[in-house]
Amino acid sequence: MKKLLVILFPFVAFTQVNNAAFQIEFAKVFNSYRVANNLTPLKINSDANKAAKIQSDYLISTYKRDSSGTIKGVLTHDYPDSNLCSAARRLQFINPVYDIKSTSIGECVLVIMDYDVVSLQTLADKVLNIWKKSAGHNAALLKVWEKNEFGIYISHTSFEASYVDYEVDVATLSRKPVTKYRTIHYYTATLVLLGEIKWY
């Protein structure tokens, strides 16, 4: 009797999040948070969205398996190209009219790992809550930005990963290890804040 040998290779898949819809969901929760703190809501800026995309896509591209099979990546405001090495330079790359010497630009980045694909509304809540829990990021969220503009972008990748589960053998009533597979989702988000800052 011939046996079929199936070999499953772990893989990484880059997929697109509907960022236009995500940006609307994030604007709702972000501006609700600002209004609750007696601050003006911010408007979405398309150039800032594009600048955020550069960094978010770069961050997600760094997530890979190392030689031990562990998934690792970087979380940084830096970028390997000197022309895009900061949030200000990324914004000027998108739109050269920005005077990055006089425009105040803030940036927040994060990574989320999840075993489920989450809705955009849930994702927006998660992203905001992570930044709210960080004193430095929260301070950036609650600054008074004269231009009242921001951009955000979220990138996604997924990995197939094996894990060991146990099933009961009905004949012997003993537990036996079984290798199973599940998908691990990674999301990187970048928020770009624009304008002149008025400190409290």
C-alpha atoms as a PDB file:
ATOM      1  CA  MET A   1       0.000   0.000   0.000  1.00  0.00           C
ATOM      2  CA  LYS A   2       1.440   3.341  -1.035  1.00  0.00           C
ATOM      3  CA  LYS A   3       1.528   6.185   1.446  1.00  0.00           C
ATOM      4  CA  LEU A   4       1.155   9.831   0.565  1.00  0.00           C
ATOM      5  CA  LEU A   5       3.812  12.000   2.160  1.00  0.00           C
ATOM      6  CA  VAL A   6       2.734  15.583   2.686  1.00  0.00           C
ATOM      7  CA  ILE A   7       5.325  18.158   3.706  1.00  0.00           C
ATOM      8  CA  LEU A   8       4.023  21.455   5.024  1.00  0.00           C
ATOM      9  CA  PHE A   9       6.393  24.390   4.829  1.00  0.00           C
ATOM     10  CA  PRO A  10       5.846  27.383   7.116  1.00  0.00           C
ATOM     11  CA  PHE A  11       5.324  30.466   4.991  1.00  0.00           C
ATOM     12  CA  VAL A  12       4.884  34.193   5.318  1.00  0.00           C
ATOM     13  CA  ALA A  13       2.127  36.017   3.465  1.00  0.00           C
ATOM     14  CA  PHE A  14       1.813  39.767   3.008  1.00  0.00           C
ATOM     15  CA  THR A  15      -1.777  40.922   2.707  1.00  0.00           C
ATOM     16  CA  GLN A  16      -3.354  44.320   2.456  1.00  0.00           C
ATOM     17  CA  VAL A  17      -5.516  45.929   5.103  1.00  0.00           C
ATOM     18  CA  ASN A  18      -8.240  48.256   3.838  1.00  0.00           C
ATOM     19  CA  ASN A  19      -6.400  51.329   5.085  1.00  0.00           C
ATOM     20  CA  ALA A  20      -8.974  53.855   3.869  1.00  0.00           C
ATOM     21  CA  ALA A  21     -11.570  52.175   6.081  1.00  0.00           C
ATOM     22  CA  PHE A  22      -9.095  51.692   8.933  1.00  0.00           C
ATOM     23  CA  GLN A  23      -8.137  55.377   8.860  1.00  0.00           C
ATOM     24  CA  ILE A  24     -11.797  56.342   9.269  1.00  0.00           C
ATOM     25  CA  GLU A  25     -12.227  53.926  12.200  1.00  0.00           C
ATOM     26  CA  PHE A  26      -9.042  55.159  13.853  1.00  0.00           C
ATOM     27  CA  ALA A  27     -10.061  58.806  13.385  1.00  0.00           C
ATOM     28  CA  LYS A  28     -13.319  58.057  15.251  1.00  0.00           C
ATOM     29  CA  VAL A  29     -11.682  56.570  18.345  1.00  0.00           C
ATOM     30  CA  PHE A  30      -8.692  58.930  18.287  1.00  0.00           C
ATOM     31  CA  ASN A  31     -10.816  62.058  18.031  1.00  0.00           C
ATOM     32  CA  SER A  32     -13.278  60.778  20.638  1.00  0.00           C
ATOM     33  CA  TYR A  33     -10.312  60.408  22.982  1.00  0.00           C
ATOM     34  CA  ARG A  34      -9.099  63.932  22.214  1.00  0.00           C
ATOM     35  CA  VAL A  35     -12.559  65.469  22.637  1.00  0.00           C
ATOM     36  CA  ALA A  36     -12.940  63.658  25.981  1.00  0.00           C
ATOM     37  CA  ASN A  37      -9.748  65.444  27.014  1.00  0.00           C
ATOM     38  CA  ASN A  38     -11.093  68.845  25.881  1.00  0.00           C
ATOM     39  CA  LEU A  39      -8.943  68.919  22.736  1.00  0.00           C
ATOM     40  CA  THR A  40      -9.891  69.616  19.147  1.00  0.00           C
ATOM     41  CA  PRO A  41     -10.277  66.653  16.753  1.00  0.00           C
ATOM     42  CA  LEU A  42      -7.622  66.151  14.076  1.00  0.00           C
ATOM     43  CA  LYS A  43      -8.201  65.787  10.335  1.00  0.00           C
ATOM     44  CA  ILE A  44      -6.747  63.018   8.184  1.00  0.00           C
ATOM     45  CA  ASN A  45      -3.917  64.260   5.939  1.00  0.00           C
ATOM     46  CA  SER A  46      -3.289  62.220   2.787  1.00  0.00           C
ATOM     47  CA  ASP A  47       0.430  63.106   2.652  1.00  0.00           C
ATOM     48  CA  ALA A  48       0.852  62.000   6.260  1.00  0.00           C
ATOM     49  CA  ASN A  49      -0.945  58.736   5.398  1.00  0.00           C
ATOM     50  CA  LYS A  50       1.602  58.103   2.634  1.00  0.00           C
ATOM     51  CA  ALA A  51       4.535  58.957   4.901  1.00  0.00           C
ATOM     52  CA  ALA A  52       3.136  56.576   7.537  1.00  0.00           C
ATOM     53  CA  LYS A  53       2.823  53.857   4.884  1.00  0.00           C
ATOM     54  CA  ILE A  54       6.540  54.033   4.092  1.00  0.00           C
ATOM     55  CA  GLN A  55       7.511  53.280   7.687  1.00  0.00           C
ATOM     56  CA  SER A  56       4.749  50.782   8.390  1.00  0.00           C
ATOM     57  CA  ASP A  57       5.544  48.750   5.275  1.00  0.00           C
ATOM     58  CA  TYR A  58       9.242  48.808   6.142  1.00  0.00           C
ATOM     59  CA  LEU A  59       8.587  47.585   9.685  1.00  0.00           C
ATOM     60  CA  ILE A  60       6.378  44.694   8.558  1.00  0.00           C
ATOM     61  CA  SER A  61       8.979  43.664   5.975  1.00  0.00           C
ATOM     62  CA  THR A  62      11.506  43.034   8.770  1.00  0.00           C
ATOM     63  CA  TYR A  63       9.393  40.317  10.404  1.00  0.00           C
ATOM     64  CA  LYS A  64      10.962  37.004   9.457  1.00  0.00           C
ATOM     65  CA  ARG A  65      11.885  33.643  10.949  1.00  0.00           C
ATOM     66  CA  ASP A  66      15.400  33.303  12.292  1.00  0.00           C
ATOM     67  CA  SER A  67      17.435  30.091  12.142  1.00  0.00           C
ATOM     68  CA  SER A  68      15.658  28.743  15.227  1.00  0.00           C
ATOM     69  CA  GLY A  69      12.210  29.339  13.716  1.00  0.00           C
ATOM     70  CA  THR A  70      11.432  32.283  16.005  1.00  0.00           C
ATOM     71  CA  ILE A  71       9.604  35.186  14.341  1.00  0.00           C
ATOM     72  CA  LYS A  72      11.496  38.431  14.882  1.00  0.00           C
ATOM     73  CA  GLY A  73      11.377  41.953  13.516  1.00  0.00           C
ATOM     74  CA  VAL A  74      12.298  45.522  14.365  1.00  0.00           C
ATOM     75  CA  LEU A  75      10.247  48.370  15.767  1.00  0.00           C
ATOM     76  CA  THR A  76      11.943  51.687  15.096  1.00  0.00           C
ATOM     77  CA  HIS A  77      11.486  55.202  13.767  1.00  0.00           C
ATOM     78  CA  ASP A  78      14.614  54.747  11.629  1.00  0.00           C
ATOM     79  CA  TYR A  79      14.655  53.712   7.984  1.00  0.00           C
ATOM     80  CA  PRO A  80      17.660  52.234   6.135  1.00  0.00           C
ATOM     81  CA  ASP A  81      17.568  54.807   3.301  1.00  0.00           C
ATOM     82  CA  SER A  82      19.138  58.102   4.446  1.00  0.00           C
ATOM     83  CA  ASN A  83      16.610  60.015   2.320  1.00  0.00           C
ATOM     84  CA  LEU A  84      13.789  58.462   4.377  1.00  0.00           C
ATOM     85  CA  CYS A  85      15.556  58.171   7.726  1.00  0.00           C
ATOM     86  CA  SER A  86      13.024  60.177   9.768  1.00  0.00           C
ATOM     87  CA  ALA A  87       9.326  60.989   9.795  1.00  0.00           C
ATOM     88  CA  ALA A  88      10.144  64.505   8.576  1.00  0.00           C
ATOM     89  CA  ARG A  89      12.198  63.268   5.623  1.00  0.00           C
ATOM     90  CA  ARG A  90       9.532  60.734   4.695  1.00  0.00           C
ATOM     91  CA  LEU A  91       6.938  63.495   4.650  1.00  0.00           C
ATOM     92  CA  GLN A  92       9.154  65.734   2.532  1.00  0.00           C
ATOM     93  CA  PHE A  93       9.781  62.824   0.150  1.00  0.00           C
ATOM     94  CA  ILE A  94       6.009  62.520  -0.337  1.00  0.00           C
ATOM     95  CA  ASN A  95       5.497  66.280  -0.723  1.00  0.00           C
ATOM     96  CA  PRO A  96       8.607  68.455  -1.207  1.00  0.00           C
ATOM     97  CA  VAL A  97       6.702  71.656  -0.331  1.00  0.00           C
ATOM     98  CA  TYR A  98       6.835  70.781   3.373  1.00  0.00           C
ATOM     99  CA  ASP A  99       9.387  72.861   5.226  1.00  0.00           C
ATOM    100  CA  ILE A 100      10.569  70.237   7.671  1.00  0.00           C
ATOM    101  CA  LYS A 101      12.647  72.799   9.568  1.00  0.00           C
ATOM    102  CA  SER A 102       9.573  74.746  10.643  1.00  0.00           C
ATOM    103  CA  THR A 103       6.917  72.019  10.651  1.00  0.00           C
ATOM    104  CA  SER A 104       6.613  69.996  13.826  1.00  0.00           C
ATOM    105  CA  ILE A 105       6.207  66.300  13.048  1.00  0.00           C
ATOM    106  CA  GLY A 106       5.539  63.532  15.550  1.00  0.00           C
ATOM    107  CA  GLU A 107       5.479  59.793  14.925  1.00  0.00           C
ATOM    108  CA  CYS A 108       4.225  56.757  16.859  1.00  0.00           C
ATOM    109  CA  VAL A 109       4.864  53.150  15.814  1.00  0.00           C
ATOM    110  CA  LEU A 110       3.771  49.767  17.178  1.00  0.00           C
ATOM    111  CA  VAL A 111       3.399  46.071  16.395  1.00  0.00           C
ATOM    112  CA  ILE A 112       0.478  43.812  17.342  1.00  0.00           C
ATOM    113  CA  MET A 113       0.566  40.014  17.275  1.00  0.00           C
ATOM    114  CA  ASP A 114      -2.743  38.126  17.170  1.00  0.00           C
ATOM    115  CA  TYR A 115      -3.988  34.637  16.370  1.00  0.00           C
ATOM    116  CA  ASP A 116      -7.153  35.949  14.738  1.00  0.00           C
ATOM    117  CA  VAL A 117      -7.917  38.382  11.953  1.00  0.00           C
ATOM    118  CA  VAL A 118      -9.595  41.246  13.779  1.00  0.00           C
ATOM    119  CA  SER A 119     -12.137  43.740  12.512  1.00  0.00           C
ATOM    120  CA  LEU A 120     -10.929  47.208  11.569  1.00  0.00           C
ATOM    121  CA  GLN A 121     -12.904  48.716  14.442  1.00  0.00           C
ATOM    122  CA  THR A 122     -11.295  46.327  16.940  1.00  0.00           C
ATOM    123  CA  LEU A 123      -7.905  46.976  15.383  1.00  0.00           C
ATOM    124  CA  ALA A 124      -8.365  50.750  15.701  1.00  0.00           C
ATOM    125  CA  ASP A 125      -9.280  50.331  19.386  1.00  0.00           C
ATOM    126  CA  LYS A 126      -6.253  48.095  20.008  1.00  0.00           C
ATOM    127  CA  VAL A 127      -3.846  50.475  18.296  1.00  0.00           C
ATOM    128  CA  LEU A 128      -5.089  53.517  20.229  1.00  0.00           C
ATOM    129  CA  ASN A 129      -5.138  51.670  23.566  1.00  0.00           C
ATOM    130  CA  ILE A 130      -1.526  50.510  23.174  1.00  0.00           C
ATOM    131  CA  TRP A 131      -0.370  54.087  22.588  1.00  0.00           C
ATOM    132  CA  LYS A 132      -2.561  55.391  25.426  1.00  0.00           C
ATOM    133  CA  LYS A 133      -0.817  53.035  27.867  1.00  0.00           C
ATOM    134  CA  SER A 134       2.609  54.462  26.979  1.00  0.00           C
ATOM    135  CA  ALA A 135       3.290  57.775  28.696  1.00  0.00           C
ATOM    136  CA  GLY A 136       5.367  59.165  25.836  1.00  0.00           C
ATOM    137  CA  HIS A 137       2.975  58.106  23.086  1.00  0.00           C
ATOM    138  CA  ASN A 138      -0.039  59.269  25.083  1.00  0.00           C
ATOM    139  CA  ALA A 139       1.553  62.693  25.492  1.00  0.00           C
ATOM    140  CA  ALA A 140       1.907  62.902  21.700  1.00  0.00           C
ATOM    141  CA  LEU A 141      -1.754  61.956  21.239  1.00  0.00           C
ATOM    142  CA  LEU A 142      -2.853  64.721  23.600  1.00  0.00           C
ATOM    143  CA  LYS A 143      -0.735  67.586  22.305  1.00  0.00           C
ATOM    144  CA  VAL A 144      -2.409  70.590  20.714  1.00  0.00           C
ATOM    145  CA  TRP A 145      -1.431  70.538  17.058  1.00  0.00           C
ATOM    146  CA  GLU A 146      -2.240  73.825  15.316  1.00  0.00           C
ATOM    147  CA  LYS A 147      -2.637  72.264  11.880  1.00  0.00           C
ATOM    148  CA  ASN A 148      -4.993  69.634  13.325  1.00  0.00           C
ATOM    149  CA  GLU A 149      -3.814  66.897  10.957  1.00  0.00           C
ATOM    150  CA  PHE A 150      -2.559  63.334  11.167  1.00  0.00           C
ATOM    151  CA  GLY A 151      -1.953  60.284   9.013  1.00  0.00           C
ATOM    152  CA  ILE A 152      -1.943  56.605   9.900  1.00  0.00           C
ATOM    153  CA  TYR A 153      -1.209  53.387   8.074  1.00  0.00           C
ATOM    154  CA  ILE A 154      -1.335  49.755   9.125  1.00  0.00           C
ATOM    155  CA  SER A 155       0.489  46.851   7.462  1.00  0.00           C
ATOM    156  CA  HIS A 156      -0.126  43.134   7.918  1.00  0.00           C
ATOM    157  CA  THR A 157       1.689  39.854   7.465  1.00  0.00           C
ATOM    158  CA  SER A 158       0.967  36.318   8.616  1.00  0.00           C
ATOM    159  CA  PHE A 159       2.957  33.176   9.337  1.00  0.00           C
ATOM    160  CA  GLU A 160       1.924  29.543   9.514  1.00  0.00           C
ATOM    161  CA  ALA A 161       3.307  28.048  12.719  1.00  0.00           C
ATOM    162  CA  SER A 162       3.210  24.518  14.102  1.00  0.00           C
ATOM    163  CA  TYR A 163       2.308  23.598  17.663  1.00  0.00           C
ATOM    164  CA  VAL A 164       1.738  20.363  19.559  1.00  0.00           C
ATOM    165  CA  ASP A 165      -1.734  19.466  20.774  1.00  0.00           C
ATOM    166  CA  TYR A 166      -2.977  16.269  22.380  1.00  0.00           C
ATOM    167  CA  GLU A 167      -5.832  14.047  21.267  1.00  0.00           C
ATOM    168  CA  VAL A 168      -7.354  11.022  22.978  1.00  0.00           C
ATOM    169  CA  ASP A 169      -6.920   7.683  21.243  1.00  0.00           C
ATOM    170  CA  VAL A 170     -10.422   6.160  21.481  1.00  0.00           C
ATOM    171  CA  ALA A 171      -9.109   2.598  21.384  1.00  0.00           C
ATOM    172  CA  THR A 172      -6.613   2.950  24.223  1.00  0.00           C
ATOM    173  CA  LEU A 173      -8.009   6.090  25.947  1.00  0.00           C
ATOM    174  CA  SER A 174      -4.477   7.435  26.006  1.00  0.00           C
ATOM    175  CA  ARG A 175      -3.386  10.918  24.996  1.00  0.00           C
ATOM    176  CA  LYS A 176      -1.137  11.238  21.982  1.00  0.00           C
ATOM    177  CA  PRO A 177       0.707  14.315  20.673  1.00  0.00           C
ATOM    178  CA  VAL A 178      -0.499  15.715  17.364  1.00  0.00           C
ATOM    179  CA  THR A 179       1.220  18.446  15.360  1.00  0.00           C
ATOM    180  CA  LYS A 180      -1.194  21.148  14.274  1.00  0.00           C
ATOM    181  CA  TYR A 181      -0.833  24.447  12.454  1.00  0.00           C
ATOM    182  CA  ARG A 182      -2.217  27.902  13.090  1.00  0.00           C
ATOM    183  CA  THR A 183      -1.819  31.326  11.570  1.00  0.00           C
ATOM    184  CA  ILE A 184      -0.082  34.097  13.489  1.00  0.00           C
ATOM    185  CA  HIS A 185      -0.944  37.624  12.368  1.00  0.00           C
ATOM    186  CA  TYR A 186       1.362  40.609  12.765  1.00  0.00           C
ATOM    187  CA  TYR A 187       0.247  44.215  12.285  1.00  0.00           C
ATOM    188  CA  THR A 188       2.530  47.250  12.284  1.00  0.00           C
ATOM    189  CA  ALA A 189       1.032  50.729  12.569  1.00  0.00           C
ATOM    190  CA  THR A 190       2.585  54.158  12.093  1.00  0.00           C
ATOM    191  CA  LEU A 191       0.916  57.410  13.134  1.00  0.00           C
ATOM    192  CA  VAL A 192       2.245  60.744  11.829  1.00  0.00           C
ATOM    193  CA  LEU A 193       1.155  63.976  13.553  1.00  0.00           C
ATOM    194  CA  LEU A 194       1.599  67.333  11.834  1.00  0.00           C
ATOM    195  CA  GLY A 195       1.741  70.960  12.904  1.00  0.00           C
ATOM    196  CA  GLU A 196       3.115  73.449  15.342  1.00  0.00           C
ATOM    197  CA  ILE A 197       2.866  72.298  18.941  1.00  0.00           C
ATOM    198  CA  LYS A 198       1.349  74.359  21.722  1.00  0.00           C
ATOM    199  CA  TRP A 199       2.459  72.909  25.036  1.00  0.00           C
ATOM    200  CA  TYR A 200       0.215  73.169  28.059  1.00  0.00           C
END
